[in-house]
């Protein structure tokens, strides 16, 4: 289940990173 949910969580992490990089210098 950890491996399964990681597949989805990876793209949440990716979206969060893009958002933070846009908001912060």
PDBML (XML) file of the C-alpha atoms, coordinates in Angstrom:
<?xml version="1.0" encoding="UTF-8" ?>
<PDBx:datablock datablockName="MODEL"
   xmlns:PDBx="http://pdbml.pdb.org/schema/pdbx-v50.xsd"
   xmlns:xsi="http://www.w3.org/2001/XMLSchema-instance"
   xsi:schemaLocation="http://pdbml.pdb.org/schema/pdbx-v50.xsd pdbx-v50.xsd">
   <PDBx:atom_siteCategory>
      <PDBx:atom_site id="1">
         <PDBx:B_iso_or_equiv>0.00</PDBx:B_iso_or_equiv>
         <PDBx:Cartn_x>0.000</PDBx:Cartn_x>
         <PDBx:Cartn_y>0.000</PDBx:Cartn_y>
         <PDBx:Cartn_z>0.000</PDBx:Cartn_z>
         <PDBx:auth_asym_id>A</PDBx:auth_asym_id>
         <PDBx:auth_atom_id>CA</PDBx:auth_atom_id>
         <PDBx:auth_comp_id>UNK</PDBx:auth_comp_id>
         <PDBx:auth_seq_id>1</PDBx:auth_seq_id>
         <PDBx:group_PDB>ATOM</PDBx:group_PDB>
         <PDBx:label_alt_id xsi:nil="true" />
         <PDBx:label_asym_id>A</PDBx:label_asym_id>
         <PDBx:label_atom_id>CA</PDBx:label_atom_id>
         <PDBx:label_comp_id>UNK</PDBx:label_comp_id>
         <PDBx:label_entity_id>1</PDBx:label_entity_id>
         <PDBx:label_seq_id>1</PDBx:label_seq_id>
         <PDBx:occupancy>1.00</PDBx:occupancy>
         <PDBx:pdbx_PDB_model_num>1</PDBx:pdbx_PDB_model_num>
         <PDBx:type_symbol>C</PDBx:type_symbol>
      </PDBx:atom_site>
      <PDBx:atom_site id="2">
         <PDBx:B_iso_or_equiv>0.00</PDBx:B_iso_or_equiv>
         <PDBx:Cartn_x>2.913</PDBx:Cartn_x>
         <PDBx:Cartn_y>2.355</PDBx:Cartn_y>
         <PDBx:Cartn_z>0.682</PDBx:Cartn_z>
         <PDBx:auth_asym_id>A</PDBx:auth_asym_id>
         <PDBx:auth_atom_id>CA</PDBx:auth_atom_id>
         <PDBx:auth_comp_id>UNK</PDBx:auth_comp_id>
         <PDBx:auth_seq_id>2</PDBx:auth_seq_id>
         <PDBx:group_PDB>ATOM</PDBx:group_PDB>
         <PDBx:label_alt_id xsi:nil="true" />
         <PDBx:label_asym_id>A</PDBx:label_asym_id>
         <PDBx:label_atom_id>CA</PDBx:label_atom_id>
         <PDBx:label_comp_id>UNK</PDBx:label_comp_id>
         <PDBx:label_entity_id>1</PDBx:label_entity_id>
         <PDBx:label_seq_id>2</PDBx:label_seq_id>
         <PDBx:occupancy>1.00</PDBx:occupancy>
         <PDBx:pdbx_PDB_model_num>1</PDBx:pdbx_PDB_model_num>
         <PDBx:type_symbol>C</PDBx:type_symbol>
      </PDBx:atom_site>
      <PDBx:atom_site id="3">
         <PDBx:B_iso_or_equiv>0.00</PDBx:B_iso_or_equiv>
         <PDBx:Cartn_x>4.321</PDBx:Cartn_x>
         <PDBx:Cartn_y>1.644</PDBx:Cartn_y>
         <PDBx:Cartn_z>-2.788</PDBx:Cartn_z>
         <PDBx:auth_asym_id>A</PDBx:auth_asym_id>
         <PDBx:auth_atom_id>CA</PDBx:auth_atom_id>
         <PDBx:auth_comp_id>UNK</PDBx:auth_comp_id>
         <PDBx:auth_seq_id>3</PDBx:auth_seq_id>
         <PDBx:group_PDB>ATOM</PDBx:group_PDB>
         <PDBx:label_alt_id xsi:nil="true" />
         <PDBx:label_asym_id>A</PDBx:label_asym_id>
         <PDBx:label_atom_id>CA</PDBx:label_atom_id>
         <PDBx:label_comp_id>UNK</PDBx:label_comp_id>
         <PDBx:label_entity_id>1</PDBx:label_entity_id>
         <PDBx:label_seq_id>3</PDBx:label_seq_id>
         <PDBx:occupancy>1.00</PDBx:occupancy>
         <PDBx:pdbx_PDB_model_num>1</PDBx:pdbx_PDB_model_num>
         <PDBx:type_symbol>C</PDBx:type_symbol>
      </PDBx:atom_site>
      <PDBx:atom_site id="4">
         <PDBx:B_iso_or_equiv>0.00</PDBx:B_iso_or_equiv>
         <PDBx:Cartn_x>0.862</PDBx:Cartn_x>
         <PDBx:Cartn_y>2.074</PDBx:Cartn_y>
         <PDBx:Cartn_z>-4.380</PDBx:Cartn_z>
         <PDBx:auth_asym_id>A</PDBx:auth_asym_id>
         <PDBx:auth_atom_id>CA</PDBx:auth_atom_id>
         <PDBx:auth_comp_id>UNK</PDBx:auth_comp_id>
         <PDBx:auth_seq_id>4</PDBx:auth_seq_id>
         <PDBx:group_PDB>ATOM</PDBx:group_PDB>
         <PDBx:label_alt_id xsi:nil="true" />
         <PDBx:label_asym_id>A</PDBx:label_asym_id>
         <PDBx:label_atom_id>CA</PDBx:label_atom_id>
         <PDBx:label_comp_id>UNK</PDBx:label_comp_id>
         <PDBx:label_entity_id>1</PDBx:label_entity_id>
         <PDBx:label_seq_id>4</PDBx:label_seq_id>
         <PDBx:occupancy>1.00</PDBx:occupancy>
         <PDBx:pdbx_PDB_model_num>1</PDBx:pdbx_PDB_model_num>
         <PDBx:type_symbol>C</PDBx:type_symbol>
      </PDBx:atom_site>
      <PDBx:atom_site id="5">
         <PDBx:B_iso_or_equiv>0.00</PDBx:B_iso_or_equiv>
         <PDBx:Cartn_x>0.072</PDBx:Cartn_x>
         <PDBx:Cartn_y>5.408</PDBx:Cartn_y>
         <PDBx:Cartn_z>-2.734</PDBx:Cartn_z>
         <PDBx:auth_asym_id>A</PDBx:auth_asym_id>
         <PDBx:auth_atom_id>CA</PDBx:auth_atom_id>
         <PDBx:auth_comp_id>UNK</PDBx:auth_comp_id>
         <PDBx:auth_seq_id>5</PDBx:auth_seq_id>
         <PDBx:group_PDB>ATOM</PDBx:group_PDB>
         <PDBx:label_alt_id xsi:nil="true" />
         <PDBx:label_asym_id>A</PDBx:label_asym_id>
         <PDBx:label_atom_id>CA</PDBx:label_atom_id>
         <PDBx:label_comp_id>UNK</PDBx:label_comp_id>
         <PDBx:label_entity_id>1</PDBx:label_entity_id>
         <PDBx:label_seq_id>5</PDBx:label_seq_id>
         <PDBx:occupancy>1.00</PDBx:occupancy>
         <PDBx:pdbx_PDB_model_num>1</PDBx:pdbx_PDB_model_num>
         <PDBx:type_symbol>C</PDBx:type_symbol>
      </PDBx:atom_site>
      <PDBx:atom_site id="6">
         <PDBx:B_iso_or_equiv>0.00</PDBx:B_iso_or_equiv>
         <PDBx:Cartn_x>3.586</PDBx:Cartn_x>
         <PDBx:Cartn_y>6.663</PDBx:Cartn_y>
         <PDBx:Cartn_z>-3.478</PDBx:Cartn_z>
         <PDBx:auth_asym_id>A</PDBx:auth_asym_id>
         <PDBx:auth_atom_id>CA</PDBx:auth_atom_id>
         <PDBx:auth_comp_id>UNK</PDBx:auth_comp_id>
         <PDBx:auth_seq_id>6</PDBx:auth_seq_id>
         <PDBx:group_PDB>ATOM</PDBx:group_PDB>
         <PDBx:label_alt_id xsi:nil="true" />
         <PDBx:label_asym_id>A</PDBx:label_asym_id>
         <PDBx:label_atom_id>CA</PDBx:label_atom_id>
         <PDBx:label_comp_id>UNK</PDBx:label_comp_id>
         <PDBx:label_entity_id>1</PDBx:label_entity_id>
         <PDBx:label_seq_id>6</PDBx:label_seq_id>
         <PDBx:occupancy>1.00</PDBx:occupancy>
         <PDBx:pdbx_PDB_model_num>1</PDBx:pdbx_PDB_model_num>
         <PDBx:type_symbol>C</PDBx:type_symbol>
      </PDBx:atom_site>
      <PDBx:atom_site id="7">
         <PDBx:B_iso_or_equiv>0.00</PDBx:B_iso_or_equiv>
         <PDBx:Cartn_x>2.744</PDBx:Cartn_x>
         <PDBx:Cartn_y>6.598</PDBx:Cartn_y>
         <PDBx:Cartn_z>-7.187</PDBx:Cartn_z>
         <PDBx:auth_asym_id>A</PDBx:auth_asym_id>
         <PDBx:auth_atom_id>CA</PDBx:auth_atom_id>
         <PDBx:auth_comp_id>UNK</PDBx:auth_comp_id>
         <PDBx:auth_seq_id>7</PDBx:auth_seq_id>
         <PDBx:group_PDB>ATOM</PDBx:group_PDB>
         <PDBx:label_alt_id xsi:nil="true" />
         <PDBx:label_asym_id>A</PDBx:label_asym_id>
         <PDBx:label_atom_id>CA</PDBx:label_atom_id>
         <PDBx:label_comp_id>UNK</PDBx:label_comp_id>
         <PDBx:label_entity_id>1</PDBx:label_entity_id>
         <PDBx:label_seq_id>7</PDBx:label_seq_id>
         <PDBx:occupancy>1.00</PDBx:occupancy>
         <PDBx:pdbx_PDB_model_num>1</PDBx:pdbx_PDB_model_num>
         <PDBx:type_symbol>C</PDBx:type_symbol>
      </PDBx:atom_site>
      <PDBx:atom_site id="8">
         <PDBx:B_iso_or_equiv>0.00</PDBx:B_iso_or_equiv>
         <PDBx:Cartn_x>0.051</PDBx:Cartn_x>
         <PDBx:Cartn_y>9.226</PDBx:Cartn_y>
         <PDBx:Cartn_z>-6.567</PDBx:Cartn_z>
         <PDBx:auth_asym_id>A</PDBx:auth_asym_id>
         <PDBx:auth_atom_id>CA</PDBx:auth_atom_id>
         <PDBx:auth_comp_id>UNK</PDBx:auth_comp_id>
         <PDBx:auth_seq_id>8</PDBx:auth_seq_id>
         <PDBx:group_PDB>ATOM</PDBx:group_PDB>
         <PDBx:label_alt_id xsi:nil="true" />
         <PDBx:label_asym_id>A</PDBx:label_asym_id>
         <PDBx:label_atom_id>CA</PDBx:label_atom_id>
         <PDBx:label_comp_id>UNK</PDBx:label_comp_id>
         <PDBx:label_entity_id>1</PDBx:label_entity_id>
         <PDBx:label_seq_id>8</PDBx:label_seq_id>
         <PDBx:occupancy>1.00</PDBx:occupancy>
         <PDBx:pdbx_PDB_model_num>1</PDBx:pdbx_PDB_model_num>
         <PDBx:type_symbol>C</PDBx:type_symbol>
      </PDBx:atom_site>
      <PDBx:atom_site id="9">
         <PDBx:B_iso_or_equiv>0.00</PDBx:B_iso_or_equiv>
         <PDBx:Cartn_x>1.955</PDBx:Cartn_x>
         <PDBx:Cartn_y>11.101</PDBx:Cartn_y>
         <PDBx:Cartn_z>-3.877</PDBx:Cartn_z>
         <PDBx:auth_asym_id>A</PDBx:auth_asym_id>
         <PDBx:auth_atom_id>CA</PDBx:auth_atom_id>
         <PDBx:auth_comp_id>UNK</PDBx:auth_comp_id>
         <PDBx:auth_seq_id>9</PDBx:auth_seq_id>
         <PDBx:group_PDB>ATOM</PDBx:group_PDB>
         <PDBx:label_alt_id xsi:nil="true" />
         <PDBx:label_asym_id>A</PDBx:label_asym_id>
         <PDBx:label_atom_id>CA</PDBx:label_atom_id>
         <PDBx:label_comp_id>UNK</PDBx:label_comp_id>
         <PDBx:label_entity_id>1</PDBx:label_entity_id>
         <PDBx:label_seq_id>9</PDBx:label_seq_id>
         <PDBx:occupancy>1.00</PDBx:occupancy>
         <PDBx:pdbx_PDB_model_num>1</PDBx:pdbx_PDB_model_num>
         <PDBx:type_symbol>C</PDBx:type_symbol>
      </PDBx:atom_site>
      <PDBx:atom_site id="10">
         <PDBx:B_iso_or_equiv>0.00</PDBx:B_iso_or_equiv>
         <PDBx:Cartn_x>4.924</PDBx:Cartn_x>
         <PDBx:Cartn_y>11.624</PDBx:Cartn_y>
         <PDBx:Cartn_z>-6.186</PDBx:Cartn_z>
         <PDBx:auth_asym_id>A</PDBx:auth_asym_id>
         <PDBx:auth_atom_id>CA</PDBx:auth_atom_id>
         <PDBx:auth_comp_id>UNK</PDBx:auth_comp_id>
         <PDBx:auth_seq_id>10</PDBx:auth_seq_id>
         <PDBx:group_PDB>ATOM</PDBx:group_PDB>
         <PDBx:label_alt_id xsi:nil="true" />
         <PDBx:label_asym_id>A</PDBx:label_asym_id>
         <PDBx:label_atom_id>CA</PDBx:label_atom_id>
         <PDBx:label_comp_id>UNK</PDBx:label_comp_id>
         <PDBx:label_entity_id>1</PDBx:label_entity_id>
         <PDBx:label_seq_id>10</PDBx:label_seq_id>
         <PDBx:occupancy>1.00</PDBx:occupancy>
         <PDBx:pdbx_PDB_model_num>1</PDBx:pdbx_PDB_model_num>
         <PDBx:type_symbol>C</PDBx:type_symbol>
      </PDBx:atom_site>
      <PDBx:atom_site id="11">
         <PDBx:B_iso_or_equiv>0.00</PDBx:B_iso_or_equiv>
         <PDBx:Cartn_x>2.846</PDBx:Cartn_x>
         <PDBx:Cartn_y>13.895</PDBx:Cartn_y>
         <PDBx:Cartn_z>-8.407</PDBx:Cartn_z>
         <PDBx:auth_asym_id>A</PDBx:auth_asym_id>
         <PDBx:auth_atom_id>CA</PDBx:auth_atom_id>
         <PDBx:auth_comp_id>UNK</PDBx:auth_comp_id>
         <PDBx:auth_seq_id>11</PDBx:auth_seq_id>
         <PDBx:group_PDB>ATOM</PDBx:group_PDB>
         <PDBx:label_alt_id xsi:nil="true" />
         <PDBx:label_asym_id>A</PDBx:label_asym_id>
         <PDBx:label_atom_id>CA</PDBx:label_atom_id>
         <PDBx:label_comp_id>UNK</PDBx:label_comp_id>
         <PDBx:label_entity_id>1</PDBx:label_entity_id>
         <PDBx:label_seq_id>11</PDBx:label_seq_id>
         <PDBx:occupancy>1.00</PDBx:occupancy>
         <PDBx:pdbx_PDB_model_num>1</PDBx:pdbx_PDB_model_num>
         <PDBx:type_symbol>C</PDBx:type_symbol>
      </PDBx:atom_site>
      <PDBx:atom_site id="12">
         <PDBx:B_iso_or_equiv>0.00</PDBx:B_iso_or_equiv>
         <PDBx:Cartn_x>1.455</PDBx:Cartn_x>
         <PDBx:Cartn_y>15.737</PDBx:Cartn_y>
         <PDBx:Cartn_z>-5.400</PDBx:Cartn_z>
         <PDBx:auth_asym_id>A</PDBx:auth_asym_id>
         <PDBx:auth_atom_id>CA</PDBx:auth_atom_id>
         <PDBx:auth_comp_id>UNK</PDBx:auth_comp_id>
         <PDBx:auth_seq_id>12</PDBx:auth_seq_id>
         <PDBx:group_PDB>ATOM</PDBx:group_PDB>
         <PDBx:label_alt_id xsi:nil="true" />
         <PDBx:label_asym_id>A</PDBx:label_asym_id>
         <PDBx:label_atom_id>CA</PDBx:label_atom_id>
         <PDBx:label_comp_id>UNK</PDBx:label_comp_id>
         <PDBx:label_entity_id>1</PDBx:label_entity_id>
         <PDBx:label_seq_id>12</PDBx:label_seq_id>
         <PDBx:occupancy>1.00</PDBx:occupancy>
         <PDBx:pdbx_PDB_model_num>1</PDBx:pdbx_PDB_model_num>
         <PDBx:type_symbol>C</PDBx:type_symbol>
      </PDBx:atom_site>
      <PDBx:atom_site id="13">
         <PDBx:B_iso_or_equiv>0.00</PDBx:B_iso_or_equiv>
         <PDBx:Cartn_x>5.065</PDBx:Cartn_x>
         <PDBx:Cartn_y>16.352</PDBx:Cartn_y>
         <PDBx:Cartn_z>-4.400</PDBx:Cartn_z>
         <PDBx:auth_asym_id>A</PDBx:auth_asym_id>
         <PDBx:auth_atom_id>CA</PDBx:auth_atom_id>
         <PDBx:auth_comp_id>UNK</PDBx:auth_comp_id>
         <PDBx:auth_seq_id>13</PDBx:auth_seq_id>
         <PDBx:group_PDB>ATOM</PDBx:group_PDB>
         <PDBx:label_alt_id xsi:nil="true" />
         <PDBx:label_asym_id>A</PDBx:label_asym_id>
         <PDBx:label_atom_id>CA</PDBx:label_atom_id>
         <PDBx:label_comp_id>UNK</PDBx:label_comp_id>
         <PDBx:label_entity_id>1</PDBx:label_entity_id>
         <PDBx:label_seq_id>13</PDBx:label_seq_id>
         <PDBx:occupancy>1.00</PDBx:occupancy>
         <PDBx:pdbx_PDB_model_num>1</PDBx:pdbx_PDB_model_num>
         <PDBx:type_symbol>C</PDBx:type_symbol>
      </PDBx:atom_site>
      <PDBx:atom_site id="14">
         <PDBx:B_iso_or_equiv>0.00</PDBx:B_iso_or_equiv>
         <PDBx:Cartn_x>5.845</PDBx:Cartn_x>
         <PDBx:Cartn_y>17.510</PDBx:Cartn_y>
         <PDBx:Cartn_z>-7.936</PDBx:Cartn_z>
         <PDBx:auth_asym_id>A</PDBx:auth_asym_id>
         <PDBx:auth_atom_id>CA</PDBx:auth_atom_id>
         <PDBx:auth_comp_id>UNK</PDBx:auth_comp_id>
         <PDBx:auth_seq_id>14</PDBx:auth_seq_id>
         <PDBx:group_PDB>ATOM</PDBx:group_PDB>
         <PDBx:label_alt_id xsi:nil="true" />
         <PDBx:label_asym_id>A</PDBx:label_asym_id>
         <PDBx:label_atom_id>CA</PDBx:label_atom_id>
         <PDBx:label_comp_id>UNK</PDBx:label_comp_id>
         <PDBx:label_entity_id>1</PDBx:label_entity_id>
         <PDBx:label_seq_id>14</PDBx:label_seq_id>
         <PDBx:occupancy>1.00</PDBx:occupancy>
         <PDBx:pdbx_PDB_model_num>1</PDBx:pdbx_PDB_model_num>
         <PDBx:type_symbol>C</PDBx:type_symbol>
      </PDBx:atom_site>
      <PDBx:atom_site id="15">
         <PDBx:B_iso_or_equiv>0.00</PDBx:B_iso_or_equiv>
         <PDBx:Cartn_x>2.873</PDBx:Cartn_x>
         <PDBx:Cartn_y>19.912</PDBx:Cartn_y>
         <PDBx:Cartn_z>-7.990</PDBx:Cartn_z>
         <PDBx:auth_asym_id>A</PDBx:auth_asym_id>
         <PDBx:auth_atom_id>CA</PDBx:auth_atom_id>
         <PDBx:auth_comp_id>UNK</PDBx:auth_comp_id>
         <PDBx:auth_seq_id>15</PDBx:auth_seq_id>
         <PDBx:group_PDB>ATOM</PDBx:group_PDB>
         <PDBx:label_alt_id xsi:nil="true" />
         <PDBx:label_asym_id>A</PDBx:label_asym_id>
         <PDBx:label_atom_id>CA</PDBx:label_atom_id>
         <PDBx:label_comp_id>UNK</PDBx:label_comp_id>
         <PDBx:label_entity_id>1</PDBx:label_entity_id>
         <PDBx:label_seq_id>15</PDBx:label_seq_id>
         <PDBx:occupancy>1.00</PDBx:occupancy>
         <PDBx:pdbx_PDB_model_num>1</PDBx:pdbx_PDB_model_num>
         <PDBx:type_symbol>C</PDBx:type_symbol>
      </PDBx:atom_site>
      <PDBx:atom_site id="16">
         <PDBx:B_iso_or_equiv>0.00</PDBx:B_iso_or_equiv>
         <PDBx:Cartn_x>3.825</PDBx:Cartn_x>
         <PDBx:Cartn_y>21.260</PDBx:Cartn_y>
         <PDBx:Cartn_z>-4.570</PDBx:Cartn_z>
         <PDBx:auth_asym_id>A</PDBx:auth_asym_id>
         <PDBx:auth_atom_id>CA</PDBx:auth_atom_id>
         <PDBx:auth_comp_id>UNK</PDBx:auth_comp_id>
         <PDBx:auth_seq_id>16</PDBx:auth_seq_id>
         <PDBx:group_PDB>ATOM</PDBx:group_PDB>
         <PDBx:label_alt_id xsi:nil="true" />
         <PDBx:label_asym_id>A</PDBx:label_asym_id>
         <PDBx:label_atom_id>CA</PDBx:label_atom_id>
         <PDBx:label_comp_id>UNK</PDBx:label_comp_id>
         <PDBx:label_entity_id>1</PDBx:label_entity_id>
         <PDBx:label_seq_id>16</PDBx:label_seq_id>
         <PDBx:occupancy>1.00</PDBx:occupancy>
         <PDBx:pdbx_PDB_model_num>1</PDBx:pdbx_PDB_model_num>
         <PDBx:type_symbol>C</PDBx:type_symbol>
      </PDBx:atom_site>
      <PDBx:atom_site id="17">
         <PDBx:B_iso_or_equiv>0.00</PDBx:B_iso_or_equiv>
         <PDBx:Cartn_x>7.359</PDBx:Cartn_x>
         <PDBx:Cartn_y>21.881</PDBx:Cartn_y>
         <PDBx:Cartn_z>-5.723</PDBx:Cartn_z>
         <PDBx:auth_asym_id>A</PDBx:auth_asym_id>
         <PDBx:auth_atom_id>CA</PDBx:auth_atom_id>
         <PDBx:auth_comp_id>UNK</PDBx:auth_comp_id>
         <PDBx:auth_seq_id>17</PDBx:auth_seq_id>
         <PDBx:group_PDB>ATOM</PDBx:group_PDB>
         <PDBx:label_alt_id xsi:nil="true" />
         <PDBx:label_asym_id>A</PDBx:label_asym_id>
         <PDBx:label_atom_id>CA</PDBx:label_atom_id>
         <PDBx:label_comp_id>UNK</PDBx:label_comp_id>
         <PDBx:label_entity_id>1</PDBx:label_entity_id>
         <PDBx:label_seq_id>17</PDBx:label_seq_id>
         <PDBx:occupancy>1.00</PDBx:occupancy>
         <PDBx:pdbx_PDB_model_num>1</PDBx:pdbx_PDB_model_num>
         <PDBx:type_symbol>C</PDBx:type_symbol>
      </PDBx:atom_site>
      <PDBx:atom_site id="18">
         <PDBx:B_iso_or_equiv>0.00</PDBx:B_iso_or_equiv>
         <PDBx:Cartn_x>6.230</PDBx:Cartn_x>
         <PDBx:Cartn_y>23.791</PDBx:Cartn_y>
         <PDBx:Cartn_z>-8.815</PDBx:Cartn_z>
         <PDBx:auth_asym_id>A</PDBx:auth_asym_id>
         <PDBx:auth_atom_id>CA</PDBx:auth_atom_id>
         <PDBx:auth_comp_id>UNK</PDBx:auth_comp_id>
         <PDBx:auth_seq_id>18</PDBx:auth_seq_id>
         <PDBx:group_PDB>ATOM</PDBx:group_PDB>
         <PDBx:label_alt_id xsi:nil="true" />
         <PDBx:label_asym_id>A</PDBx:label_asym_id>
         <PDBx:label_atom_id>CA</PDBx:label_atom_id>
         <PDBx:label_comp_id>UNK</PDBx:label_comp_id>
         <PDBx:label_entity_id>1</PDBx:label_entity_id>
         <PDBx:label_seq_id>18</PDBx:label_seq_id>
         <PDBx:occupancy>1.00</PDBx:occupancy>
         <PDBx:pdbx_PDB_model_num>1</PDBx:pdbx_PDB_model_num>
         <PDBx:type_symbol>C</PDBx:type_symbol>
      </PDBx:atom_site>
      <PDBx:atom_site id="19">
         <PDBx:B_iso_or_equiv>0.00</PDBx:B_iso_or_equiv>
         <PDBx:Cartn_x>3.823</PDBx:Cartn_x>
         <PDBx:Cartn_y>25.882</PDBx:Cartn_y>
         <PDBx:Cartn_z>-6.715</PDBx:Cartn_z>
         <PDBx:auth_asym_id>A</PDBx:auth_asym_id>
         <PDBx:auth_atom_id>CA</PDBx:auth_atom_id>
         <PDBx:auth_comp_id>UNK</PDBx:auth_comp_id>
         <PDBx:auth_seq_id>19</PDBx:auth_seq_id>
         <PDBx:group_PDB>ATOM</PDBx:group_PDB>
         <PDBx:label_alt_id xsi:nil="true" />
         <PDBx:label_asym_id>A</PDBx:label_asym_id>
         <PDBx:label_atom_id>CA</PDBx:label_atom_id>
         <PDBx:label_comp_id>UNK</PDBx:label_comp_id>
         <PDBx:label_entity_id>1</PDBx:label_entity_id>
         <PDBx:label_seq_id>19</PDBx:label_seq_id>
         <PDBx:occupancy>1.00</PDBx:occupancy>
         <PDBx:pdbx_PDB_model_num>1</PDBx:pdbx_PDB_model_num>
         <PDBx:type_symbol>C</PDBx:type_symbol>
      </PDBx:atom_site>
      <PDBx:atom_site id="20">
         <PDBx:B_iso_or_equiv>0.00</PDBx:B_iso_or_equiv>
         <PDBx:Cartn_x>6.491</PDBx:Cartn_x>
         <PDBx:Cartn_y>26.736</PDBx:Cartn_y>
         <PDBx:Cartn_z>-4.143</PDBx:Cartn_z>
         <PDBx:auth_asym_id>A</PDBx:auth_asym_id>
         <PDBx:auth_atom_id>CA</PDBx:auth_atom_id>
         <PDBx:auth_comp_id>UNK</PDBx:auth_comp_id>
         <PDBx:auth_seq_id>20</PDBx:auth_seq_id>
         <PDBx:group_PDB>ATOM</PDBx:group_PDB>
         <PDBx:label_alt_id xsi:nil="true" />
         <PDBx:label_asym_id>A</PDBx:label_asym_id>
         <PDBx:label_atom_id>CA</PDBx:label_atom_id>
         <PDBx:label_comp_id>UNK</PDBx:label_comp_id>
         <PDBx:label_entity_id>1</PDBx:label_entity_id>
         <PDBx:label_seq_id>20</PDBx:label_seq_id>
         <PDBx:occupancy>1.00</PDBx:occupancy>
         <PDBx:pdbx_PDB_model_num>1</PDBx:pdbx_PDB_model_num>
         <PDBx:type_symbol>C</PDBx:type_symbol>
      </PDBx:atom_site>
      <PDBx:atom_site id="21">
         <PDBx:B_iso_or_equiv>0.00</PDBx:B_iso_or_equiv>
         <PDBx:Cartn_x>9.061</PDBx:Cartn_x>
         <PDBx:Cartn_y>27.592</PDBx:Cartn_y>
         <PDBx:Cartn_z>-6.781</PDBx:Cartn_z>
         <PDBx:auth_asym_id>A</PDBx:auth_asym_id>
         <PDBx:auth_atom_id>CA</PDBx:auth_atom_id>
         <PDBx:auth_comp_id>UNK</PDBx:auth_comp_id>
         <PDBx:auth_seq_id>21</PDBx:auth_seq_id>
         <PDBx:group_PDB>ATOM</PDBx:group_PDB>
         <PDBx:label_alt_id xsi:nil="true" />
         <PDBx:label_asym_id>A</PDBx:label_asym_id>
         <PDBx:label_atom_id>CA</PDBx:label_atom_id>
         <PDBx:label_comp_id>UNK</PDBx:label_comp_id>
         <PDBx:label_entity_id>1</PDBx:label_entity_id>
         <PDBx:label_seq_id>21</PDBx:label_seq_id>
         <PDBx:occupancy>1.00</PDBx:occupancy>
         <PDBx:pdbx_PDB_model_num>1</PDBx:pdbx_PDB_model_num>
         <PDBx:type_symbol>C</PDBx:type_symbol>
      </PDBx:atom_site>
      <PDBx:atom_site id="22">
         <PDBx:B_iso_or_equiv>0.00</PDBx:B_iso_or_equiv>
         <PDBx:Cartn_x>6.593</PDBx:Cartn_x>
         <PDBx:Cartn_y>29.954</PDBx:Cartn_y>
         <PDBx:Cartn_z>-8.443</PDBx:Cartn_z>
         <PDBx:auth_asym_id>A</PDBx:auth_asym_id>
         <PDBx:auth_atom_id>CA</PDBx:auth_atom_id>
         <PDBx:auth_comp_id>UNK</PDBx:auth_comp_id>
         <PDBx:auth_seq_id>22</PDBx:auth_seq_id>
         <PDBx:group_PDB>ATOM</PDBx:group_PDB>
         <PDBx:label_alt_id xsi:nil="true" />
         <PDBx:label_asym_id>A</PDBx:label_asym_id>
         <PDBx:label_atom_id>CA</PDBx:label_atom_id>
         <PDBx:label_comp_id>UNK</PDBx:label_comp_id>
         <PDBx:label_entity_id>1</PDBx:label_entity_id>
         <PDBx:label_seq_id>22</PDBx:label_seq_id>
         <PDBx:occupancy>1.00</PDBx:occupancy>
         <PDBx:pdbx_PDB_model_num>1</PDBx:pdbx_PDB_model_num>
         <PDBx:type_symbol>C</PDBx:type_symbol>
      </PDBx:atom_site>
      <PDBx:atom_site id="23">
         <PDBx:B_iso_or_equiv>0.00</PDBx:B_iso_or_equiv>
         <PDBx:Cartn_x>5.585</PDBx:Cartn_x>
         <PDBx:Cartn_y>31.630</PDBx:Cartn_y>
         <PDBx:Cartn_z>-5.164</PDBx:Cartn_z>
         <PDBx:auth_asym_id>A</PDBx:auth_asym_id>
         <PDBx:auth_atom_id>CA</PDBx:auth_atom_id>
         <PDBx:auth_comp_id>UNK</PDBx:auth_comp_id>
         <PDBx:auth_seq_id>23</PDBx:auth_seq_id>
         <PDBx:group_PDB>ATOM</PDBx:group_PDB>
         <PDBx:label_alt_id xsi:nil="true" />
         <PDBx:label_asym_id>A</PDBx:label_asym_id>
         <PDBx:label_atom_id>CA</PDBx:label_atom_id>
         <PDBx:label_comp_id>UNK</PDBx:label_comp_id>
         <PDBx:label_entity_id>1</PDBx:label_entity_id>
         <PDBx:label_seq_id>23</PDBx:label_seq_id>
         <PDBx:occupancy>1.00</PDBx:occupancy>
         <PDBx:pdbx_PDB_model_num>1</PDBx:pdbx_PDB_model_num>
         <PDBx:type_symbol>C</PDBx:type_symbol>
      </PDBx:atom_site>
      <PDBx:atom_site id="24">
         <PDBx:B_iso_or_equiv>0.00</PDBx:B_iso_or_equiv>
         <PDBx:Cartn_x>9.085</PDBx:Cartn_x>
         <PDBx:Cartn_y>31.948</PDBx:Cartn_y>
         <PDBx:Cartn_z>-3.711</PDBx:Cartn_z>
         <PDBx:auth_asym_id>A</PDBx:auth_asym_id>
         <PDBx:auth_atom_id>CA</PDBx:auth_atom_id>
         <PDBx:auth_comp_id>UNK</PDBx:auth_comp_id>
         <PDBx:auth_seq_id>24</PDBx:auth_seq_id>
         <PDBx:group_PDB>ATOM</PDBx:group_PDB>
         <PDBx:label_alt_id xsi:nil="true" />
         <PDBx:label_asym_id>A</PDBx:label_asym_id>
         <PDBx:label_atom_id>CA</PDBx:label_atom_id>
         <PDBx:label_comp_id>UNK</PDBx:label_comp_id>
         <PDBx:label_entity_id>1</PDBx:label_entity_id>
         <PDBx:label_seq_id>24</PDBx:label_seq_id>
         <PDBx:occupancy>1.00</PDBx:occupancy>
         <PDBx:pdbx_PDB_model_num>1</PDBx:pdbx_PDB_model_num>
         <PDBx:type_symbol>C</PDBx:type_symbol>
      </PDBx:atom_site>
      <PDBx:atom_site id="25">
         <PDBx:B_iso_or_equiv>0.00</PDBx:B_iso_or_equiv>
         <PDBx:Cartn_x>12.218</PDBx:Cartn_x>
         <PDBx:Cartn_y>33.218</PDBx:Cartn_y>
         <PDBx:Cartn_z>-5.331</PDBx:Cartn_z>
         <PDBx:auth_asym_id>A</PDBx:auth_asym_id>
         <PDBx:auth_atom_id>CA</PDBx:auth_atom_id>
         <PDBx:auth_comp_id>UNK</PDBx:auth_comp_id>
         <PDBx:auth_seq_id>25</PDBx:auth_seq_id>
         <PDBx:group_PDB>ATOM</PDBx:group_PDB>
         <PDBx:label_alt_id xsi:nil="true" />
         <PDBx:label_asym_id>A</PDBx:label_asym_id>
         <PDBx:label_atom_id>CA</PDBx:label_atom_id>
         <PDBx:label_comp_id>UNK</PDBx:label_comp_id>
         <PDBx:label_entity_id>1</PDBx:label_entity_id>
         <PDBx:label_seq_id>25</PDBx:label_seq_id>
         <PDBx:occupancy>1.00</PDBx:occupancy>
         <PDBx:pdbx_PDB_model_num>1</PDBx:pdbx_PDB_model_num>
         <PDBx:type_symbol>C</PDBx:type_symbol>
      </PDBx:atom_site>
   </PDBx:atom_siteCategory>
</PDBx:datablock>
